[in-house]
Amino acid sequence: MKNKIFALSTLTLALIAASPAWADPAKVIRIGVATVGTGGKPVFGGSSAATAATRGLIEEEFKKDGIKVEWNYFKGAGPAVNEALANKLLDFAWQGDLPAIVAKASGLKTKILLANGTLGTTYLAVPADSPAKKLEDLKGKKVALFKGTNGQLVVNKVLDQYGLTEKDFKLINMDTATTQAAIATKDVDGAWFGYDVFQLVDRGVAKVIWSNKEGPLSLTRQTHFLVTEDFEKANPEITQRVVNVLVRTAADISKPENAEKVLQEWSKSGVPYASFKKDYNGGADIKRRSSPLLDEFFYNHYKDAVQASLKFKLIRKDFDVNQWFEPKYLNQALKEQKLENFWTAYDAKGNPKGGK
C-alpha cells in the first residue's frame, strides 16, 4: 500500500480551473482521505473505508490487474482533499458533508457513491478545571474549531438553536492535533471535538459540557465516499469494484462478533481503543453508523446541509443534491452480495423503514 500525507491550503476557484493531466487509471487508483492519524500516521478509523485501507482490501482486489492503489492522507482534512480533487490529483475521496458541499457549490464535478461513516458525534470540551458548565458559558471566550470540516456545519446548527453565531465566540481555526494540545495547555477556553475527545477526558485534562450523542439526528455529522465524474465515466468497472469492496467491508465490520477486532484496528490511527469504544457504545453502534445506504435520511441530510450552508454563508450557490448522488454502483453491490436488507433504511426524519 502506498500512503502519502499532505497538508494543503483551502479550495479556490482558481484551482478548480486548473486541469493538469491525472494518472493513467489503468495503472493507479488514487484515494484521498480527509484525516490523518495521530502524529501523522497514514491510518484512520471510524468507517469501512478505514478498515479497507488498514487491511489492504482494495489493493488486493486490483492486484491481479497490476493496478496500484495510493491512499493519500490530508492533515488539512476536507478542504485539503478538495484542493487535490480540483488539481486532478485524486480519483476517489473519503470526506465529510460540508467540505464536499463547498466543493460542489464551487463547481467541482464529483459523484457521491455511498455513505461511509454516518451519525458522527460532536463534543464541546473545556479544560478539566474550567468553571464552564454549558455552551453559553463560553460566550466571548477563545474556542477552537476545525473550520471547513463537517464539524463546522454541526457547530453552526447548534449555535443557531441557542440563538448564537460564530461571532459570539473568539473562534480559532485549529486542526485536530493542535486543538488537543491547546486544551491540554489551556491556550483555549473550549474546543469542538469528535471521538478523539475521550483521550483527553481519560487523561483528566478535559471535560465534556455538550454533545449531540443523545440529541437529534439532524445534528450529527455524515461522511461519504465519492468519485470524480471524469474517473467514473471513464472507468465504470473499476468504480463498481471499489464500491463492491467497501460494501463487503461494511458488512463484515457490522457483524457484532467482529466489533472488538474492528475497534482495535481503528485504534491503530492513534486514537485509543477506549475512545472508539465509548463513542460507539461499546461497539453496538458500529452497524448503524457503518451503513453504506443512500437512504431517505442520508439524502435529506445533504439537502438540509446545503440549505444550512447557504444560511450560514458557508457557500454562495445552491445545487441539486439528487443529481449529485450516483446510487447505481451501491445498488449493484448490495444486490450481488445479497445485502439489500442487511442494514436498516431510515426515512427523512431518521425513523427505521425496514431491514434487520
Protein backbone atom coordinates (compact mmCIF):
# COMPACT_ATOMS: atom_id res chain seq x y z
CA MET A 1 0.00 0.00 0.00
CA LYS A 2 1.38 3.38 -0.94
CA ASN A 3 0.45 6.04 1.59
CA LYS A 4 1.05 9.76 1.39
CA ILE A 5 0.33 12.57 3.83
CA PHE A 6 -0.45 16.05 2.62
CA ALA A 7 -1.10 19.45 4.17
CA LEU A 8 -2.69 21.75 1.59
CA SER A 9 -4.47 25.10 1.53
CA THR A 10 -8.20 25.52 1.08
CA LEU A 11 -10.08 25.19 -2.20
CA THR A 12 -10.13 28.15 -4.56
CA LEU A 13 -11.90 28.76 -7.82
CA ALA A 14 -8.53 29.19 -9.48
CA LEU A 15 -7.62 25.63 -8.56
CA ILE A 16 -10.90 24.34 -9.97
CA ALA A 17 -10.00 25.97 -13.26
CA ALA A 18 -6.64 24.18 -13.31
CA SER A 19 -6.56 20.90 -15.20
CA PRO A 20 -3.22 19.06 -15.13
CA ALA A 21 -3.34 15.54 -16.50
CA TRP A 22 -4.26 12.86 -13.99
CA ALA A 23 -2.62 9.48 -13.73
CA ASP A 24 -3.48 6.66 -16.12
CA PRO A 25 -6.41 4.88 -14.41
CA ALA A 26 -5.17 1.57 -15.84
CA LYS A 27 -2.11 1.86 -13.62
CA VAL A 28 -3.16 3.60 -10.40
CA ILE A 29 -6.22 4.39 -8.27
CA ARG A 30 -5.72 7.47 -6.08
CA ILE A 31 -7.84 7.79 -2.95
CA GLY A 32 -7.90 10.88 -0.75
CA VAL A 33 -8.64 10.67 2.97
CA ALA A 34 -9.76 13.78 4.86
CA THR A 35 -7.86 12.95 8.02
CA VAL A 36 -4.56 11.62 9.27
CA GLY A 37 -3.66 9.52 12.26
CA THR A 38 -2.10 10.83 15.47
CA GLY A 39 1.44 12.02 14.87
CA GLY A 40 0.93 11.94 11.11
CA LYS A 41 0.22 8.21 10.88
CA PRO A 42 -1.26 7.20 7.50
CA VAL A 43 -4.06 5.34 9.25
CA PHE A 44 -7.62 6.32 10.21
CA GLY A 45 -10.69 4.78 11.82
CA GLY A 46 -14.45 5.03 12.04
CA SER A 47 -15.59 3.71 8.65
CA SER A 48 -15.46 0.79 6.24
CA ALA A 49 -13.03 2.81 4.11
CA ALA A 50 -10.72 2.99 7.13
CA THR A 51 -10.88 -0.78 7.59
CA ALA A 52 -10.38 -1.41 3.87
CA ALA A 53 -7.29 0.80 3.95
CA THR A 54 -5.83 -0.86 7.05
CA ARG A 55 -6.38 -4.35 5.66
CA GLY A 56 -5.28 -3.53 2.11
CA LEU A 57 -8.54 -4.84 0.66
CA ILE A 58 -8.77 -2.54 -2.36
CA GLU A 59 -5.13 -3.29 -3.16
CA GLU A 60 -5.94 -6.99 -3.04
CA GLU A 61 -8.90 -6.52 -5.37
CA PHE A 62 -6.78 -4.94 -8.10
CA LYS A 63 -3.51 -6.79 -7.55
CA LYS A 64 -4.22 -9.30 -10.30
CA ASP A 65 -4.78 -6.41 -12.74
CA GLY A 66 -1.49 -4.75 -11.95
CA ILE A 67 -3.32 -1.63 -10.77
CA LYS A 68 -1.71 0.15 -7.83
CA VAL A 69 -3.71 1.84 -5.09
CA GLU A 70 -2.50 5.05 -3.44
CA TRP A 71 -4.04 6.25 -0.18
CA ASN A 72 -3.34 9.95 0.31
CA TYR A 73 -3.92 11.34 3.81
CA PHE A 74 -4.55 15.05 4.34
CA LYS A 75 -3.77 16.86 7.58
CA GLY A 76 -5.85 19.74 6.24
CA ALA A 77 -8.91 17.46 6.18
CA GLY A 78 -11.80 18.07 3.76
CA PRO A 79 -10.65 21.43 2.38
CA ALA A 80 -7.24 19.96 1.51
CA VAL A 81 -8.91 16.99 -0.20
CA ASN A 82 -10.93 19.49 -2.24
CA GLU A 83 -7.77 21.17 -3.45
CA ALA A 84 -6.29 17.84 -4.52
CA LEU A 85 -9.51 16.91 -6.31
CA ALA A 86 -9.57 20.27 -8.07
CA ASN A 87 -6.00 19.72 -9.20
CA LYS A 88 -6.98 16.28 -10.55
CA LEU A 89 -4.64 14.53 -8.13
CA LEU A 90 -7.30 12.14 -6.83
CA ASP A 91 -9.89 9.76 -8.29
CA PHE A 92 -11.84 8.90 -5.14
CA ALA A 93 -12.17 10.57 -1.75
CA TRP A 94 -13.46 9.95 1.74
CA GLN A 95 -14.59 13.18 3.40
CA GLY A 96 -17.39 14.89 5.32
CA ASP A 97 -20.55 16.59 4.14
CA LEU A 98 -19.58 20.28 4.43
CA PRO A 99 -16.28 20.29 2.52
CA ALA A 100 -17.80 18.24 -0.28
CA ILE A 101 -20.76 20.63 -0.42
CA VAL A 102 -18.40 23.62 -0.61
CA ALA A 103 -16.54 21.99 -3.48
CA LYS A 104 -19.71 21.02 -5.35
CA ALA A 105 -21.16 24.51 -4.97
CA SER A 106 -17.90 25.88 -6.36
CA GLY A 107 -18.15 23.72 -9.48
CA LEU A 108 -16.09 20.64 -8.63
CA LYS A 109 -17.55 17.67 -10.52
CA THR A 110 -17.95 14.66 -8.25
CA LYS A 111 -20.45 11.90 -7.56
CA ILE A 112 -21.29 10.53 -4.11
CA LEU A 113 -21.22 6.73 -4.29
CA LEU A 114 -22.17 5.60 -0.80
CA ALA A 115 -22.43 6.63 2.82
CA ASN A 116 -19.23 5.83 4.67
CA GLY A 117 -19.41 6.78 8.32
CA THR A 118 -22.71 8.27 9.42
CA LEU A 119 -24.28 9.81 12.53
CA GLY A 120 -20.94 11.17 13.74
CA THR A 121 -20.86 12.65 17.21
CA THR A 122 -19.62 16.10 18.20
CA TYR A 123 -18.43 17.12 21.64
CA LEU A 124 -17.71 20.51 23.19
CA ALA A 125 -14.96 20.20 25.78
CA VAL A 126 -13.19 22.56 28.17
CA PRO A 127 -10.14 22.17 30.42
CA ALA A 128 -10.93 19.90 33.36
CA ASP A 129 -10.77 22.71 35.91
CA SER A 130 -12.81 25.17 33.83
CA PRO A 131 -15.83 26.72 35.58
CA ALA A 132 -17.81 26.44 32.31
CA LYS A 133 -20.76 24.05 32.55
CA LYS A 134 -22.71 24.83 29.39
CA LEU A 135 -22.25 26.22 25.91
CA GLU A 136 -23.37 29.74 26.85
CA ASP A 137 -20.61 29.96 29.45
CA LEU A 138 -18.08 30.21 26.62
CA LYS A 139 -19.54 33.35 25.02
CA GLY A 140 -16.74 35.78 24.28
CA LYS A 141 -14.14 33.10 25.07
CA LYS A 142 -11.47 31.50 22.90
CA VAL A 143 -12.89 28.35 21.31
CA ALA A 144 -11.09 26.07 18.83
CA LEU A 145 -12.91 24.79 15.76
CA PHE A 146 -11.52 22.99 12.71
CA LYS A 147 -13.15 25.16 10.05
CA GLY A 148 -14.17 23.81 6.66
CA THR A 149 -14.93 20.37 8.10
CA ASN A 150 -18.29 18.73 8.70
CA GLY A 151 -17.83 19.65 12.35
CA GLN A 152 -18.19 23.33 11.49
CA LEU A 153 -21.62 22.74 9.98
CA VAL A 154 -22.80 20.95 13.11
CA VAL A 155 -21.45 23.74 15.31
CA ASN A 156 -23.29 26.37 13.29
CA LYS A 157 -26.53 24.40 13.60
CA VAL A 158 -26.04 24.02 17.35
CA LEU A 159 -25.25 27.70 17.86
CA ASP A 160 -28.30 28.63 15.82
CA GLN A 161 -30.52 26.60 18.13
CA TYR A 162 -29.16 28.59 21.08
CA GLY A 163 -29.66 31.90 19.28
CA LEU A 164 -25.91 32.28 18.83
CA THR A 165 -23.45 32.55 15.93
CA GLU A 166 -19.71 32.09 15.48
CA LYS A 167 -19.33 35.82 16.15
CA ASP A 168 -20.37 35.29 19.77
CA PHE A 169 -17.08 33.50 20.39
CA LYS A 170 -13.42 34.12 19.68
CA LEU A 171 -13.20 31.19 17.30
CA ILE A 172 -9.72 29.96 16.42
CA ASN A 173 -9.25 27.65 13.44
CA MET A 174 -7.16 24.66 14.58
CA ASP A 175 -6.63 21.15 13.23
CA THR A 176 -7.25 18.13 15.44
CA ALA A 177 -3.75 17.72 16.87
CA THR A 178 -3.33 21.42 17.59
CA THR A 179 -6.73 21.54 19.27
CA GLN A 180 -5.85 18.67 21.59
CA ALA A 181 -2.65 20.39 22.61
CA ALA A 182 -4.39 23.75 23.11
CA ILE A 183 -6.92 22.26 25.51
CA ALA A 184 -4.19 20.47 27.45
CA THR A 185 -2.16 23.68 27.80
CA LYS A 186 -5.27 25.81 28.37
CA ASP A 187 -4.43 28.07 25.46
CA VAL A 188 -8.13 27.94 24.56
CA ASP A 189 -11.17 28.02 26.81
CA GLY A 190 -13.02 25.36 24.89
CA ALA A 191 -12.91 23.26 21.73
CA TRP A 192 -15.11 21.17 19.46
CA PHE A 193 -14.12 17.51 19.02
CA GLY A 194 -15.13 14.15 17.62
CA TYR A 195 -14.44 10.80 19.32
CA ASP A 196 -10.85 11.91 19.94
CA VAL A 197 -12.09 13.95 22.91
CA PHE A 198 -12.11 10.88 25.15
CA GLN A 199 -8.34 10.53 25.22
CA LEU A 200 -8.25 13.98 26.84
CA VAL A 201 -11.09 13.18 29.21
CA ASP A 202 -9.48 9.90 30.24
CA ARG A 203 -6.21 11.72 30.95
CA GLY A 204 -8.07 14.12 33.20
CA VAL A 205 -7.21 17.24 31.20
CA ALA A 206 -10.66 17.93 29.73
CA LYS A 207 -14.35 17.52 30.40
CA VAL A 208 -17.31 17.45 28.02
CA ILE A 209 -20.00 20.09 28.60
CA TRP A 210 -22.12 19.42 25.49
CA SER A 211 -22.56 16.64 22.94
CA ASN A 212 -25.02 15.54 20.28
CA LYS A 213 -24.72 11.88 21.29
CA GLU A 214 -28.28 11.75 22.59
CA GLY A 215 -29.56 14.65 20.50
CA PRO A 216 -31.49 14.83 17.24
CA LEU A 217 -30.02 13.09 14.20
CA SER A 218 -30.09 16.42 12.37
CA LEU A 219 -27.11 17.46 14.48
CA THR A 220 -24.94 14.50 13.53
CA ARG A 221 -22.06 14.53 11.04
CA GLN A 222 -22.02 12.41 7.89
CA THR A 223 -19.13 11.22 5.74
CA HIS A 224 -19.21 9.58 2.34
CA PHE A 225 -17.08 8.08 -0.42
CA LEU A 226 -17.12 9.91 -3.74
CA VAL A 227 -15.57 9.69 -7.18
CA THR A 228 -14.68 12.35 -9.73
CA GLU A 229 -17.04 12.47 -12.69
CA ASP A 230 -14.15 12.08 -15.12
CA PHE A 231 -12.88 8.91 -13.49
CA GLU A 232 -16.33 7.39 -13.06
CA LYS A 233 -17.30 7.96 -16.68
CA ALA A 234 -14.03 6.56 -17.99
CA ASN A 235 -13.85 3.66 -15.53
CA PRO A 236 -17.29 2.36 -14.51
CA GLU A 237 -15.96 -1.18 -13.96
CA ILE A 238 -13.20 -0.02 -11.61
CA THR A 239 -15.66 2.23 -9.79
CA GLN A 240 -18.01 -0.72 -9.30
CA ARG A 241 -15.25 -2.92 -7.94
CA VAL A 242 -14.13 -0.26 -5.46
CA VAL A 243 -17.72 0.09 -4.23
CA ASN A 244 -18.03 -3.70 -4.03
CA VAL A 245 -15.03 -3.85 -1.68
CA LEU A 246 -16.35 -1.08 0.55
CA VAL A 247 -19.80 -2.63 0.81
CA ARG A 248 -18.34 -6.06 1.58
CA THR A 249 -16.12 -4.48 4.23
CA ALA A 250 -19.04 -2.57 5.72
CA ALA A 251 -20.97 -5.82 6.08
CA ASP A 252 -18.03 -7.52 7.75
CA ILE A 253 -17.41 -4.79 10.34
CA SER A 254 -21.16 -4.57 11.01
CA LYS A 255 -21.32 -8.09 12.45
CA PRO A 256 -21.50 -7.96 16.27
CA GLU A 257 -18.91 -10.71 16.62
CA ASN A 258 -16.36 -8.56 14.79
CA ALA A 259 -16.83 -5.39 16.86
CA GLU A 260 -13.86 -5.94 19.16
CA LYS A 261 -11.48 -6.58 16.26
CA VAL A 262 -12.76 -3.52 14.39
CA LEU A 263 -12.29 -1.17 17.34
CA GLN A 264 -8.77 -2.50 17.87
CA GLU A 265 -7.93 -1.95 14.19
CA TRP A 266 -9.27 1.59 14.26
CA SER A 267 -7.08 2.34 17.28
CA LYS A 268 -4.03 1.94 15.02
CA SER A 269 -4.83 5.51 13.97
CA GLY A 270 -3.52 6.69 17.33
CA VAL A 271 -6.99 7.36 18.75
CA PRO A 272 -7.15 4.99 21.73
CA TYR A 273 -9.32 1.88 21.61
CA ALA A 274 -11.15 3.16 24.69
CA SER A 275 -12.16 6.34 22.82
CA PHE A 276 -13.71 4.43 19.94
CA LYS A 277 -15.42 2.07 22.36
CA LYS A 278 -17.05 4.92 24.27
CA ASP A 279 -18.12 6.78 21.15
CA TYR A 280 -19.57 3.63 19.54
CA ASN A 281 -21.31 2.47 22.74
CA GLY A 282 -19.03 -0.49 23.21
CA GLY A 283 -19.30 -1.41 19.54
CA ALA A 284 -23.08 -1.65 19.47
CA ASP A 285 -23.35 1.37 17.14
CA ILE A 286 -20.90 0.12 14.50
CA LYS A 287 -23.51 -1.49 12.25
CA ARG A 288 -25.83 1.50 12.10
CA ARG A 289 -23.02 4.02 11.64
CA SER A 290 -21.28 1.86 9.03
CA SER A 291 -24.33 1.53 6.80
CA PRO A 292 -23.48 2.44 3.19
CA LEU A 293 -27.11 3.11 2.32
CA LEU A 294 -28.09 6.25 0.43
CA ASP A 295 -31.49 6.18 2.11
CA GLU A 296 -34.02 8.95 2.61
CA PHE A 297 -32.30 10.13 5.77
CA PHE A 298 -28.94 10.46 4.03
CA TYR A 299 -30.43 12.28 1.03
CA ASN A 300 -32.44 14.58 3.28
CA HIS A 301 -29.43 15.32 5.48
CA TYR A 302 -27.41 16.51 2.50
CA LYS A 303 -30.30 18.57 1.16
CA ASP A 304 -30.66 20.22 4.57
CA ALA A 305 -26.89 20.61 4.82
CA VAL A 306 -26.82 22.52 1.54
CA GLN A 307 -29.54 24.88 2.76
CA ALA A 308 -27.84 25.30 6.14
CA SER A 309 -24.55 26.06 4.38
CA LEU A 310 -26.30 28.78 2.40
CA LYS A 311 -27.91 30.17 5.55
CA PHE A 312 -24.60 30.34 7.41
CA LYS A 313 -22.86 31.76 4.33
CA LEU A 314 -20.53 28.79 4.03
CA ILE A 315 -21.44 28.55 0.33
CA ARG A 316 -22.96 31.03 -2.11
CA LYS A 317 -24.58 28.76 -4.68
CA ASP A 318 -27.38 26.20 -4.37
CA PHE A 319 -27.36 22.91 -6.32
CA ASP A 320 -29.47 19.77 -6.78
CA VAL A 321 -28.37 17.04 -4.38
CA ASN A 322 -30.37 14.44 -6.31
CA GLN A 323 -28.08 14.95 -9.31
CA TRP A 324 -25.01 14.66 -7.10
CA PHE A 325 -25.69 11.15 -5.82
CA GLU A 326 -24.98 8.11 -8.03
CA PRO A 327 -26.58 5.08 -6.35
CA LYS A 328 -26.31 2.52 -9.17
CA TYR A 329 -22.95 1.16 -8.04
CA LEU A 330 -24.14 0.74 -4.46
CA ASN A 331 -27.38 -0.88 -5.58
CA GLN A 332 -25.48 -3.35 -7.75
CA ALA A 333 -23.11 -4.22 -4.91
CA LEU A 334 -25.98 -4.76 -2.48
CA LYS A 335 -27.77 -6.99 -4.97
CA GLU A 336 -24.74 -9.11 -5.89
CA GLN A 337 -23.78 -9.58 -2.23
CA LYS A 338 -27.39 -10.23 -1.17
CA LEU A 339 -27.27 -7.35 1.30
CA GLU A 340 -30.40 -5.45 0.24
CA ASN A 341 -31.97 -5.93 3.68
CA PHE A 342 -28.85 -6.25 5.82
CA TRP A 343 -28.89 -2.64 7.03
CA THR A 344 -31.93 -0.73 8.22
CA ALA A 345 -33.02 2.07 5.90
CA TYR A 346 -34.28 5.27 7.54
CA ASP A 347 -36.81 7.80 6.39
CA ALA A 348 -36.12 11.51 6.08
CA LYS A 349 -36.68 12.04 9.82
CA GLY A 350 -34.45 9.17 10.88
CA ASN A 351 -37.16 6.64 11.61
CA PRO A 352 -36.48 2.99 10.61
CA LYS A 353 -38.20 1.76 7.47
CA GLY A 354 -37.16 -1.89 7.47
CA GLY A 355 -34.18 -4.21 7.31
CA LYS A 356 -32.63 -6.03 10.21
